[in-house]
Amino acid sequence: NEGHYQTYVLEHLATFTVSPDNDMLYPADGMRRLLAMEKTNGIWTQKMLMKLDRGLVNIMDHENKETVERFPIQLVREPTAFTSNDPKEIYNNILIYIVGARPEESPTPAEMHIFQCVNVRSRDVVEDLKHYMNGAKKHRGGHGQGRHSPDFPEIKMGDLSPYEESLESRGGHEPRLQAHHE
């Protein structure tokens, strides 16, 4: 049963179009936008199942198991976990990934999918996605060796600068997550 990944129970929170025009390029942008939405008009959640199977990511309805969306793993990029230990933070186990080509590679805009993980830690799903993206076989043995290596991005909520609508007025091109490119 090699290459079999579990089915993850997720709550779909939002899907954003990835575009420099709406200041939505990186998972951190999506997370900030989500937190801003939560404060303003709230977030409608939908329980979903995500299954990795035969080179595809399948998103299925939790109730009737019907496939809602399906895309090749090759289109998935930048899977990122956003976690928080703050008990007041509802969205503390977030998985974000982008589906589609980068803006400079294709005129078709990519989409950013945002989920709250229900039955699994988001960073474990990120790790599984990365393995799957790399075509690696599943190795879940031992005491989690290889887990939480720097290859699997996990961002603590407290490290996020707040989402500011005013970014557009500043031209919005400087990176807002203080990523240090040496």
Protein backbone atom coordinates (compact mmCIF):
# COMPACT_ATOMS: atom_id res chain seq x y z
CA ASN A 1 0.00 0.00 0.00
CA GLU A 2 2.87 2.32 -0.78
CA GLY A 3 2.18 5.92 -1.55
CA HIS A 4 -1.11 5.84 0.35
CA TYR A 5 -1.78 8.95 2.35
CA GLN A 6 -4.50 9.35 4.89
CA THR A 7 -7.59 11.42 4.36
CA TYR A 8 -7.48 14.69 6.27
CA VAL A 9 -10.52 16.35 7.79
CA LEU A 10 -10.32 20.07 7.07
CA GLU A 11 -12.55 23.09 7.33
CA HIS A 12 -12.38 25.19 4.19
CA LEU A 13 -12.14 28.83 5.27
CA ALA A 14 -11.37 30.77 2.11
CA THR A 15 -10.07 30.66 -1.44
CA PHE A 16 -8.33 33.76 -2.77
CA THR A 17 -7.12 34.60 -6.26
CA VAL A 18 -3.36 34.98 -6.25
CA SER A 19 -2.45 38.27 -7.87
CA PRO A 20 -0.21 41.24 -7.27
CA ASP A 21 -3.27 43.40 -7.98
CA ASN A 22 -5.05 42.28 -4.82
CA ASP A 23 -1.87 42.10 -2.77
CA MET A 24 -2.20 38.33 -2.54
CA LEU A 25 1.02 36.55 -3.48
CA TYR A 26 2.19 34.49 -0.53
CA PRO A 27 0.52 32.26 2.06
CA ALA A 28 1.22 34.92 4.72
CA ASP A 29 -0.85 37.40 2.70
CA GLY A 30 -3.74 34.95 2.76
CA MET A 31 -3.40 34.41 6.49
CA ARG A 32 -3.44 38.14 7.17
CA ARG A 33 -6.45 38.61 4.92
CA LEU A 34 -8.23 35.74 6.70
CA LEU A 35 -7.63 37.29 10.13
CA ALA A 36 -8.89 40.62 8.82
CA MET A 37 -12.04 38.92 7.44
CA GLU A 38 -12.63 37.24 10.78
CA LYS A 39 -12.71 40.65 12.47
CA THR A 40 -14.98 42.25 9.88
CA ASN A 41 -17.59 40.02 8.27
CA GLY A 42 -16.72 36.64 9.72
CA ILE A 43 -15.81 33.42 7.95
CA TRP A 44 -18.12 30.74 6.67
CA THR A 45 -16.54 27.35 7.15
CA GLN A 46 -17.28 24.18 5.24
CA LYS A 47 -16.12 20.78 6.41
CA MET A 48 -14.14 18.97 3.73
CA LEU A 49 -11.95 15.93 3.25
CA MET A 50 -8.62 16.17 1.49
CA LYS A 51 -7.16 13.00 0.05
CA LEU A 52 -3.84 12.59 -1.73
CA ASP A 53 -4.15 9.87 -4.30
CA ARG A 54 -2.32 8.87 -7.50
CA GLY A 55 -0.74 12.23 -8.17
CA LEU A 56 -3.93 14.14 -7.42
CA VAL A 57 -5.19 16.23 -4.54
CA ASN A 58 -8.88 15.50 -4.05
CA ILE A 59 -11.08 17.87 -2.06
CA MET A 60 -14.31 16.13 -1.10
CA ASP A 61 -17.51 17.09 0.64
CA HIS A 62 -17.41 15.78 4.22
CA GLU A 63 -21.06 14.68 4.17
CA ASN A 64 -21.54 12.90 0.85
CA LYS A 65 -17.86 12.30 -0.04
CA GLU A 66 -18.40 13.83 -3.48
CA THR A 67 -15.31 15.33 -5.08
CA VAL A 68 -15.65 19.11 -5.10
CA GLU A 69 -12.26 19.85 -6.60
CA ARG A 70 -9.35 17.84 -7.91
CA PHE A 71 -5.98 19.01 -9.16
CA PRO A 72 -2.62 17.46 -10.00
CA ILE A 73 -0.04 17.67 -7.23
CA GLN A 74 2.34 19.36 -9.72
CA LEU A 75 0.16 22.48 -9.53
CA VAL A 76 0.46 22.74 -5.75
CA ARG A 77 3.09 25.10 -4.36
CA GLU A 78 4.10 26.76 -1.12
CA PRO A 79 2.20 24.59 1.35
CA THR A 80 2.53 26.41 4.66
CA ALA A 81 1.28 25.80 8.20
CA PHE A 82 0.18 28.67 10.42
CA THR A 83 -0.12 27.72 14.07
CA SER A 84 -0.82 29.45 17.33
CA ASN A 85 -0.71 28.42 20.98
CA ASP A 86 -3.05 31.26 21.93
CA PRO A 87 -6.24 29.66 23.30
CA LYS A 88 -8.24 32.67 22.11
CA GLU A 89 -7.10 32.18 18.53
CA ILE A 90 -9.79 30.15 16.74
CA TYR A 91 -7.73 29.65 13.61
CA ASN A 92 -4.66 28.06 15.17
CA ASN A 93 -4.00 25.08 12.92
CA ILE A 94 -4.10 26.51 9.43
CA LEU A 95 -2.99 24.95 6.17
CA ILE A 96 -2.49 27.20 3.16
CA TYR A 97 -1.31 26.21 -0.30
CA ILE A 98 -1.43 27.72 -3.75
CA VAL A 99 -2.74 25.86 -6.78
CA GLY A 100 -1.59 27.01 -10.19
CA ALA A 101 1.32 28.61 -11.97
CA ARG A 102 3.12 31.71 -10.73
CA PRO A 103 1.82 35.04 -12.10
CA GLU A 104 4.84 35.45 -14.37
CA GLU A 105 4.38 31.94 -15.81
CA SER A 106 0.73 31.93 -16.79
CA PRO A 107 -2.06 34.43 -17.45
CA THR A 108 -4.46 32.13 -15.59
CA PRO A 109 -4.49 33.27 -11.97
CA ALA A 110 -3.59 30.74 -9.32
CA GLU A 111 -5.76 30.16 -6.27
CA MET A 112 -4.80 30.14 -2.63
CA HIS A 113 -6.72 27.61 -0.54
CA ILE A 114 -7.01 28.11 3.21
CA PHE A 115 -8.09 25.38 5.61
CA GLN A 116 -8.28 24.83 9.34
CA CYS A 117 -7.05 21.28 10.05
CA VAL A 118 -9.42 19.28 12.24
CA ASN A 119 -7.97 15.81 12.82
CA VAL A 120 -4.29 16.46 12.19
CA ARG A 121 -1.62 19.07 12.80
CA SER A 122 -1.30 21.44 9.88
CA ARG A 123 2.47 21.09 9.83
CA ASP A 124 2.07 17.33 9.38
CA VAL A 125 -0.17 17.92 6.37
CA VAL A 126 2.42 20.35 4.98
CA GLU A 127 5.05 17.68 5.41
CA ASP A 128 2.87 15.07 3.71
CA LEU A 129 2.16 17.44 0.83
CA LYS A 130 5.87 18.16 0.42
CA HIS A 131 6.69 14.44 0.36
CA TYR A 132 3.90 13.91 -2.12
CA MET A 133 5.05 16.85 -4.26
CA ASN A 134 8.54 15.39 -4.33
CA GLY A 135 7.20 11.99 -5.28
CA ALA A 136 8.68 10.57 -2.11
CA LYS A 137 7.26 7.38 -0.70
CA LYS A 138 5.61 7.61 2.66
CA HIS A 139 7.90 6.93 5.62
CA ARG A 140 5.99 7.25 8.84
CA GLY A 141 8.15 4.95 10.89
CA GLY A 142 10.25 5.64 13.94
CA HIS A 143 9.71 8.55 16.23
CA GLY A 144 8.91 11.11 13.61
CA GLN A 145 12.42 11.39 12.29
CA GLY A 146 12.69 13.99 9.60
CA ARG A 147 9.70 15.84 10.97
CA HIS A 148 9.73 19.57 11.46
CA SER A 149 12.85 20.10 9.45
CA PRO A 150 13.28 23.60 8.02
CA ASP A 151 11.94 22.37 4.68
CA PHE A 152 8.42 22.37 6.05
CA PRO A 153 7.35 25.94 6.62
CA GLU A 154 5.47 26.59 9.79
CA ILE A 155 4.76 30.15 10.78
CA LYS A 156 3.65 31.16 14.24
CA MET A 157 0.72 33.54 14.19
CA GLY A 158 2.58 35.91 16.47
CA ASP A 159 5.25 36.34 13.80
CA LEU A 160 2.75 37.69 11.28
CA SER A 161 2.63 41.41 10.82
CA PRO A 162 -1.00 42.51 10.77
CA TYR A 163 -2.75 42.71 7.44
CA GLU A 164 -3.11 46.36 6.48
CA GLU A 165 -5.43 47.60 3.77
CA SER A 166 -3.13 50.61 3.42
CA LEU A 167 -0.44 48.51 1.74
CA GLU A 168 -1.86 49.27 -1.69
CA SER A 169 -1.29 52.98 -1.17
CA ARG A 170 2.43 52.36 -0.58
CA GLY A 171 2.83 50.49 -3.84
CA GLY A 172 2.77 47.26 -1.87
CA HIS A 173 5.91 45.72 -3.35
CA GLU A 174 8.15 45.42 -0.34
CA PRO A 175 7.97 42.02 1.35
CA ARG A 176 5.82 42.17 4.44
CA LEU A 177 6.94 38.98 6.08
CA GLN A 178 10.41 39.94 7.11
CA ALA A 179 12.11 37.34 4.96
CA HIS A 180 15.83 37.87 4.91
CA HIS A 181 17.32 37.10 1.54
CA GLU A 182 21.07 37.23 1.99
